[in-house]
Amino acid sequence: MSDGTPTHELDLVVGSMITVSPEDDRAMFEEEKAWVEDVQDLLREEGVEVDLLSMPGAEVYNGGIATFADLYNLRRLAAHSEKGSDLENLPATLEDDEVDPVLANIWEGESQTKYPHLINHQGEGGYYLPVDFAEPIWLSYEGEESDEEEWGEEGSEDVVSFGSSVALARELAELEAQVHNLRSAEGQAAHQALHELRAAAQHSIENNLPLILW
């Protein structure tokens, strides 16, 4: 039986990237702290100054988006809104994992978007930071199977994206007016995803902590 707790395919957690305090687990704290220090240094090289070391172990908000499809459709609506499309009558989501061509053009750098922090960001495993900067930053690193995780240039095995929760909140506020009255099932689910993501971004800003997508 369900205990009544909502289930989400995508969790939205606002908290420290260091998941434990030194009092709770010194070894894990030191390991995560070293990783986060590397992240801070690389972000600084990209012009982003942010304190990711404060409040280790803190978690102040836990929300979520029901399905990955809802986030995808929210991004799809954002992309089509820039083309002046009739959002109420967009064709149904494509099958067989075929990507919407309007979204694909943005992801491939062929088109620009005024919603970069919504669209050009990982759907899972990425972070939004409580500082304002123009474009999401993608960092690459060797995977967990390596003896050491090395962050560096593109071309490494894994990548992770860092967006701005400040910029994301601004983008979602602008997009809200265009999607809040949609009557289709996909449109309503996308609007709910917007609501959840906007609430999480606001908690990130107010608490000066990253928003983490799991």
C-alpha atoms as a PDB file:
ATOM      1  CA  MET A   1       0.000   0.000   0.000  1.00  0.00           C
ATOM      2  CA  SER A   2       1.094   3.547  -0.675  1.00  0.00           C
ATOM      3  CA  ASP A   3       1.822   5.673   2.355  1.00  0.00           C
ATOM      4  CA  GLY A   4       0.469   8.721   0.515  1.00  0.00           C
ATOM      5  CA  THR A   5       3.916  10.193  -0.114  1.00  0.00           C
ATOM      6  CA  PRO A   6       4.158  11.660  -3.638  1.00  0.00           C
ATOM      7  CA  THR A   7       6.532   9.825  -5.954  1.00  0.00           C
ATOM      8  CA  HIS A   8       8.725  11.634  -8.442  1.00  0.00           C
ATOM      9  CA  GLU A   9      10.949  10.474 -11.245  1.00  0.00           C
ATOM     10  CA  LEU A  10      13.040  13.622 -10.726  1.00  0.00           C
ATOM     11  CA  ASP A  11      13.793  14.861  -7.205  1.00  0.00           C
ATOM     12  CA  LEU A  12      14.512  18.544  -6.569  1.00  0.00           C
ATOM     13  CA  VAL A  13      16.671  18.915  -3.475  1.00  0.00           C
ATOM     14  CA  VAL A  14      17.966  22.193  -2.065  1.00  0.00           C
ATOM     15  CA  GLY A  15      20.956  21.557   0.146  1.00  0.00           C
ATOM     16  CA  SER A  16      24.699  21.399   0.430  1.00  0.00           C
ATOM     17  CA  MET A  17      26.751  19.510  -2.144  1.00  0.00           C
ATOM     18  CA  ILE A  18      28.589  18.160   0.909  1.00  0.00           C
ATOM     19  CA  THR A  19      25.942  15.745   2.100  1.00  0.00           C
ATOM     20  CA  VAL A  20      27.320  14.991   5.575  1.00  0.00           C
ATOM     21  CA  SER A  21      28.717  17.098   8.405  1.00  0.00           C
ATOM     22  CA  PRO A  22      32.185  16.336   9.814  1.00  0.00           C
ATOM     23  CA  GLU A  23      30.527  15.251  13.053  1.00  0.00           C
ATOM     24  CA  ASP A  24      28.400  12.644  11.267  1.00  0.00           C
ATOM     25  CA  ASP A  25      31.072  11.065   9.057  1.00  0.00           C
ATOM     26  CA  ARG A  26      34.520  12.629   8.998  1.00  0.00           C
ATOM     27  CA  ALA A  27      35.921  10.442   6.194  1.00  0.00           C
ATOM     28  CA  MET A  28      33.002  11.033   3.833  1.00  0.00           C
ATOM     29  CA  PHE A  29      32.976  14.733   4.704  1.00  0.00           C
ATOM     30  CA  GLU A  30      36.654  15.106   3.778  1.00  0.00           C
ATOM     31  CA  GLU A  31      36.153  13.187   0.528  1.00  0.00           C
ATOM     32  CA  GLU A  32      33.150  15.255  -0.532  1.00  0.00           C
ATOM     33  CA  LYS A  33      34.792  18.505   0.592  1.00  0.00           C
ATOM     34  CA  ALA A  34      37.813  17.831  -1.644  1.00  0.00           C
ATOM     35  CA  TRP A  35      35.498  17.169  -4.601  1.00  0.00           C
ATOM     36  CA  VAL A  36      33.471  20.331  -3.979  1.00  0.00           C
ATOM     37  CA  GLU A  37      36.655  22.402  -3.640  1.00  0.00           C
ATOM     38  CA  ASP A  38      37.676  21.176  -7.102  1.00  0.00           C
ATOM     39  CA  VAL A  39      34.266  22.179  -8.442  1.00  0.00           C
ATOM     40  CA  GLN A  40      34.570  25.640  -6.879  1.00  0.00           C
ATOM     41  CA  ASP A  41      37.994  26.145  -8.440  1.00  0.00           C
ATOM     42  CA  LEU A  42      36.775  25.162 -11.903  1.00  0.00           C
ATOM     43  CA  LEU A  43      33.702  27.360 -11.622  1.00  0.00           C
ATOM     44  CA  ARG A  44      35.942  30.241 -10.578  1.00  0.00           C
ATOM     45  CA  GLU A  45      37.969  29.708 -13.749  1.00  0.00           C
ATOM     46  CA  GLU A  46      34.686  30.140 -15.641  1.00  0.00           C
ATOM     47  CA  GLY A  47      34.027  33.427 -13.834  1.00  0.00           C
ATOM     48  CA  VAL A  48      31.517  32.086 -11.300  1.00  0.00           C
ATOM     49  CA  GLU A  49      32.254  32.839  -7.639  1.00  0.00           C
ATOM     50  CA  VAL A  50      30.141  30.776  -5.265  1.00  0.00           C
ATOM     51  CA  ASP A  51      30.572  29.364  -1.765  1.00  0.00           C
ATOM     52  CA  LEU A  52      29.768  25.660  -1.910  1.00  0.00           C
ATOM     53  CA  LEU A  53      31.526  24.700   1.324  1.00  0.00           C
ATOM     54  CA  SER A  54      29.234  26.290   3.880  1.00  0.00           C
ATOM     55  CA  MET A  55      26.482  24.434   5.730  1.00  0.00           C
ATOM     56  CA  PRO A  56      27.735  20.868   5.097  1.00  0.00           C
ATOM     57  CA  GLY A  57      24.973  18.313   5.511  1.00  0.00           C
ATOM     58  CA  ALA A  58      22.213  20.911   5.170  1.00  0.00           C
ATOM     59  CA  GLU A  59      19.019  20.026   3.300  1.00  0.00           C
ATOM     60  CA  VAL A  60      16.257  22.630   3.421  1.00  0.00           C
ATOM     61  CA  TYR A  61      13.841  21.580   0.674  1.00  0.00           C
ATOM     62  CA  ASN A  62      12.796  18.393  -1.082  1.00  0.00           C
ATOM     63  CA  GLY A  63      10.339  18.506  -3.963  1.00  0.00           C
ATOM     64  CA  GLY A  64      10.071  16.861  -7.318  1.00  0.00           C
ATOM     65  CA  ILE A  65       8.737  16.606 -10.853  1.00  0.00           C
ATOM     66  CA  ALA A  66       6.408  13.687 -11.524  1.00  0.00           C
ATOM     67  CA  THR A  67       8.036  12.428 -14.729  1.00  0.00           C
ATOM     68  CA  PHE A  68      11.024  13.214 -16.913  1.00  0.00           C
ATOM     69  CA  ALA A  69       8.520  13.688 -19.737  1.00  0.00           C
ATOM     70  CA  ASP A  70       6.995  16.645 -17.875  1.00  0.00           C
ATOM     71  CA  LEU A  71      10.358  18.425 -17.755  1.00  0.00           C
ATOM     72  CA  TYR A  72      10.991  17.572 -21.403  1.00  0.00           C
ATOM     73  CA  ASN A  73       7.610  18.992 -22.409  1.00  0.00           C
ATOM     74  CA  LEU A  74       8.208  22.141 -20.366  1.00  0.00           C
ATOM     75  CA  ARG A  75      11.449  22.675 -22.271  1.00  0.00           C
ATOM     76  CA  ARG A  76       9.636  21.909 -25.505  1.00  0.00           C
ATOM     77  CA  LEU A  77       6.961  24.503 -24.763  1.00  0.00           C
ATOM     78  CA  ALA A  78       9.631  27.075 -23.913  1.00  0.00           C
ATOM     79  CA  ALA A  79      11.458  26.432 -27.182  1.00  0.00           C
ATOM     80  CA  HIS A  80       8.289  26.604 -29.285  1.00  0.00           C
ATOM     81  CA  SER A  81       7.097  29.751 -27.514  1.00  0.00           C
ATOM     82  CA  GLU A  82      10.117  31.546 -28.964  1.00  0.00           C
ATOM     83  CA  LYS A  83       9.005  30.479 -32.443  1.00  0.00           C
ATOM     84  CA  GLY A  84       5.516  31.895 -31.924  1.00  0.00           C
ATOM     85  CA  SER A  85       3.952  28.429 -32.085  1.00  0.00           C
ATOM     86  CA  ASP A  86       0.405  27.771 -30.915  1.00  0.00           C
ATOM     87  CA  LEU A  87       1.310  26.027 -27.667  1.00  0.00           C
ATOM     88  CA  GLU A  88      -2.205  24.672 -27.153  1.00  0.00           C
ATOM     89  CA  ASN A  89      -2.069  22.787 -30.431  1.00  0.00           C
ATOM     90  CA  LEU A  90       1.486  21.516 -30.599  1.00  0.00           C
ATOM     91  CA  PRO A  91       1.731  18.035 -32.113  1.00  0.00           C
ATOM     92  CA  ALA A  92       1.907  15.251 -29.563  1.00  0.00           C
ATOM     93  CA  THR A  93       5.281  14.267 -28.157  1.00  0.00           C
ATOM     94  CA  LEU A  94       7.277  12.322 -30.718  1.00  0.00           C
ATOM     95  CA  GLU A  95       7.684   8.583 -30.266  1.00  0.00           C
ATOM     96  CA  ASP A  96      10.739   6.304 -30.316  1.00  0.00           C
ATOM     97  CA  ASP A  97      12.886   8.819 -28.436  1.00  0.00           C
ATOM     98  CA  GLU A  98      12.907  11.182 -31.414  1.00  0.00           C
ATOM     99  CA  VAL A  99      13.842  14.653 -30.190  1.00  0.00           C
ATOM    100  CA  ASP A 100      11.696  17.643 -31.076  1.00  0.00           C
ATOM    101  CA  PRO A 101      13.646  19.398 -33.874  1.00  0.00           C
ATOM    102  CA  VAL A 102      13.177  22.835 -32.307  1.00  0.00           C
ATOM    103  CA  LEU A 103      14.760  21.589 -29.080  1.00  0.00           C
ATOM    104  CA  ALA A 104      17.432  19.704 -31.009  1.00  0.00           C
ATOM    105  CA  ASN A 105      18.507  22.881 -32.795  1.00  0.00           C
ATOM    106  CA  ILE A 106      19.028  24.585 -29.429  1.00  0.00           C
ATOM    107  CA  TRP A 107      20.890  21.639 -27.915  1.00  0.00           C
ATOM    108  CA  GLU A 108      23.147  21.427 -30.977  1.00  0.00           C
ATOM    109  CA  GLY A 109      23.922  25.151 -30.867  1.00  0.00           C
ATOM    110  CA  GLU A 110      22.196  25.918 -34.151  1.00  0.00           C
ATOM    111  CA  SER A 111      19.592  28.154 -32.464  1.00  0.00           C
ATOM    112  CA  GLN A 112      19.830  30.496 -29.494  1.00  0.00           C
ATOM    113  CA  THR A 113      17.305  30.603 -26.671  1.00  0.00           C
ATOM    114  CA  LYS A 114      16.288  33.066 -23.992  1.00  0.00           C
ATOM    115  CA  TYR A 115      15.717  30.078 -21.689  1.00  0.00           C
ATOM    116  CA  PRO A 116      19.246  28.617 -21.521  1.00  0.00           C
ATOM    117  CA  HIS A 117      19.138  27.593 -17.861  1.00  0.00           C
ATOM    118  CA  LEU A 118      15.896  25.693 -18.400  1.00  0.00           C
ATOM    119  CA  ILE A 119      16.759  24.098 -21.738  1.00  0.00           C
ATOM    120  CA  ASN A 120      20.562  23.726 -21.853  1.00  0.00           C
ATOM    121  CA  HIS A 121      20.925  21.832 -18.596  1.00  0.00           C
ATOM    122  CA  GLN A 122      21.028  18.214 -17.493  1.00  0.00           C
ATOM    123  CA  GLY A 123      17.653  16.690 -16.807  1.00  0.00           C
ATOM    124  CA  GLU A 124      19.135  14.591 -14.022  1.00  0.00           C
ATOM    125  CA  GLY A 125      22.329  14.871 -11.994  1.00  0.00           C
ATOM    126  CA  GLY A 126      22.865  18.590 -12.555  1.00  0.00           C
ATOM    127  CA  TYR A 127      23.012  21.556 -10.201  1.00  0.00           C
ATOM    128  CA  TYR A 128      21.634  25.086 -10.029  1.00  0.00           C
ATOM    129  CA  LEU A 129      23.740  27.520  -8.001  1.00  0.00           C
ATOM    130  CA  PRO A 130      22.389  30.529  -6.046  1.00  0.00           C
ATOM    131  CA  VAL A 131      24.349  33.103  -8.063  1.00  0.00           C
ATOM    132  CA  ASP A 132      23.531  34.832 -11.339  1.00  0.00           C
ATOM    133  CA  PHE A 133      25.469  34.056 -14.517  1.00  0.00           C
ATOM    134  CA  ALA A 134      24.584  34.080 -18.183  1.00  0.00           C
ATOM    135  CA  GLU A 135      24.889  30.504 -19.481  1.00  0.00           C
ATOM    136  CA  PRO A 136      25.018  27.034 -17.907  1.00  0.00           C
ATOM    137  CA  ILE A 137      28.515  25.658 -17.398  1.00  0.00           C
ATOM    138  CA  TRP A 138      29.367  22.070 -18.309  1.00  0.00           C
ATOM    139  CA  LEU A 139      32.314  20.374 -16.617  1.00  0.00           C
ATOM    140  CA  SER A 140      33.671  16.961 -17.482  1.00  0.00           C
ATOM    141  CA  TYR A 141      35.381  14.414 -15.267  1.00  0.00           C
ATOM    142  CA  GLU A 142      36.475  10.799 -15.172  1.00  0.00           C
ATOM    143  CA  GLY A 143      33.812   8.435 -13.884  1.00  0.00           C
ATOM    144  CA  GLU A 144      33.550   6.740 -10.538  1.00  0.00           C
ATOM    145  CA  GLU A 145      35.391   3.678 -11.759  1.00  0.00           C
ATOM    146  CA  SER A 146      38.604   5.738 -11.893  1.00  0.00           C
ATOM    147  CA  ASP A 147      40.955   5.733  -8.936  1.00  0.00           C
ATOM    148  CA  GLU A 148      40.571   9.506  -8.790  1.00  0.00           C
ATOM    149  CA  GLU A 149      37.860  11.761 -10.127  1.00  0.00           C
ATOM    150  CA  GLU A 150      39.589  14.308 -12.299  1.00  0.00           C
ATOM    151  CA  TRP A 151      37.680  17.357 -13.397  1.00  0.00           C
ATOM    152  CA  GLY A 152      38.806  18.989 -16.589  1.00  0.00           C
ATOM    153  CA  GLU A 153      38.131  19.754 -20.198  1.00  0.00           C
ATOM    154  CA  GLU A 154      35.426  18.361 -22.465  1.00  0.00           C
ATOM    155  CA  GLY A 155      36.120  14.937 -23.839  1.00  0.00           C
ATOM    156  CA  SER A 156      36.369  13.188 -20.480  1.00  0.00           C
ATOM    157  CA  GLU A 157      34.040  10.338 -19.688  1.00  0.00           C
ATOM    158  CA  ASP A 158      31.229  12.088 -17.799  1.00  0.00           C
ATOM    159  CA  VAL A 159      29.846  15.607 -17.699  1.00  0.00           C
ATOM    160  CA  VAL A 160      27.759  17.578 -15.241  1.00  0.00           C
ATOM    161  CA  SER A 161      26.064  20.930 -15.733  1.00  0.00           C
ATOM    162  CA  PHE A 162      25.837  23.902 -13.406  1.00  0.00           C
ATOM    163  CA  GLY A 163      23.090  26.433 -14.005  1.00  0.00           C
ATOM    164  CA  SER A 164      22.021  29.517 -12.079  1.00  0.00           C
ATOM    165  CA  SER A 165      18.949  29.192  -9.865  1.00  0.00           C
ATOM    166  CA  VAL A 166      18.653  33.000 -10.060  1.00  0.00           C
ATOM    167  CA  ALA A 167      18.526  32.941 -13.858  1.00  0.00           C
ATOM    168  CA  LEU A 168      16.289  29.853 -13.844  1.00  0.00           C
ATOM    169  CA  ALA A 169      13.740  31.564 -11.600  1.00  0.00           C
ATOM    170  CA  ARG A 170      13.747  34.565 -13.937  1.00  0.00           C
ATOM    171  CA  GLU A 171      13.230  32.381 -17.015  1.00  0.00           C
ATOM    172  CA  LEU A 172      10.394  30.442 -15.399  1.00  0.00           C
ATOM    173  CA  ALA A 173       8.648  33.640 -14.301  1.00  0.00           C
ATOM    174  CA  GLU A 174       8.651  34.819 -17.917  1.00  0.00           C
ATOM    175  CA  LEU A 175       7.497  31.464 -19.263  1.00  0.00           C
ATOM    176  CA  GLU A 176       4.703  31.096 -16.690  1.00  0.00           C
ATOM    177  CA  ALA A 177       2.422  33.578 -18.432  1.00  0.00           C
ATOM    178  CA  GLN A 178       2.560  31.549 -21.636  1.00  0.00           C
ATOM    179  CA  VAL A 179       1.791  28.117 -20.213  1.00  0.00           C
ATOM    180  CA  HIS A 180      -0.458  28.596 -17.180  1.00  0.00           C
ATOM    181  CA  ASN A 181      -3.712  28.467 -19.167  1.00  0.00           C
ATOM    182  CA  LEU A 182      -2.898  25.440 -21.331  1.00  0.00           C
ATOM    183  CA  ARG A 183      -5.702  22.869 -21.266  1.00  0.00           C
ATOM    184  CA  SER A 184      -3.990  19.836 -22.780  1.00  0.00           C
ATOM    185  CA  ALA A 185      -2.828  17.091 -20.426  1.00  0.00           C
ATOM    186  CA  GLU A 186       0.783  17.579 -21.515  1.00  0.00           C
ATOM    187  CA  GLY A 187       0.497  21.342 -21.089  1.00  0.00           C
ATOM    188  CA  GLN A 188      -0.948  21.076 -17.592  1.00  0.00           C
ATOM    189  CA  ALA A 189       1.718  18.578 -16.533  1.00  0.00           C
ATOM    190  CA  ALA A 190       4.420  20.860 -17.918  1.00  0.00           C
ATOM    191  CA  HIS A 191       2.940  23.790 -16.001  1.00  0.00           C
ATOM    192  CA  GLN A 192       3.040  21.742 -12.805  1.00  0.00           C
ATOM    193  CA  ALA A 193       6.697  20.952 -13.530  1.00  0.00           C
ATOM    194  CA  LEU A 194       7.321  24.684 -13.946  1.00  0.00           C
ATOM    195  CA  HIS A 195       5.648  25.358 -10.602  1.00  0.00           C
ATOM    196  CA  GLU A 196       7.776  22.742  -8.823  1.00  0.00           C
ATOM    197  CA  LEU A 197      11.015  23.865 -10.449  1.00  0.00           C
ATOM    198  CA  ARG A 198      10.304  27.525  -9.730  1.00  0.00           C
ATOM    199  CA  ALA A 199       9.579  26.789  -6.055  1.00  0.00           C
ATOM    200  CA  ALA A 200      12.827  24.850  -5.732  1.00  0.00           C
ATOM    201  CA  ALA A 201      14.806  27.623  -7.433  1.00  0.00           C
ATOM    202  CA  GLN A 202      13.330  30.161  -5.017  1.00  0.00           C
ATOM    203  CA  HIS A 203      14.346  28.028  -2.023  1.00  0.00           C
ATOM    204  CA  SER A 204      17.852  27.835  -3.480  1.00  0.00           C
ATOM    205  CA  ILE A 205      18.064  31.615  -3.739  1.00  0.00           C
ATOM    206  CA  GLU A 206      16.577  32.300  -0.308  1.00  0.00           C
ATOM    207  CA  ASN A 207      18.810  29.783   1.477  1.00  0.00           C
ATOM    208  CA  ASN A 208      21.960  30.399  -0.586  1.00  0.00           C
ATOM    209  CA  LEU A 209      22.254  26.672  -1.305  1.00  0.00           C
ATOM    210  CA  PRO A 210      22.434  24.690  -4.546  1.00  0.00           C
ATOM    211  CA  LEU A 211      19.406  23.086  -6.147  1.00  0.00           C
ATOM    212  CA  ILE A 212      20.300  19.489  -6.997  1.00  0.00           C
ATOM    213  CA  LEU A 213      18.423  17.386  -9.572  1.00  0.00           C
ATOM    214  CA  TRP A 214      18.483  13.660  -8.774  1.00  0.00           C
END
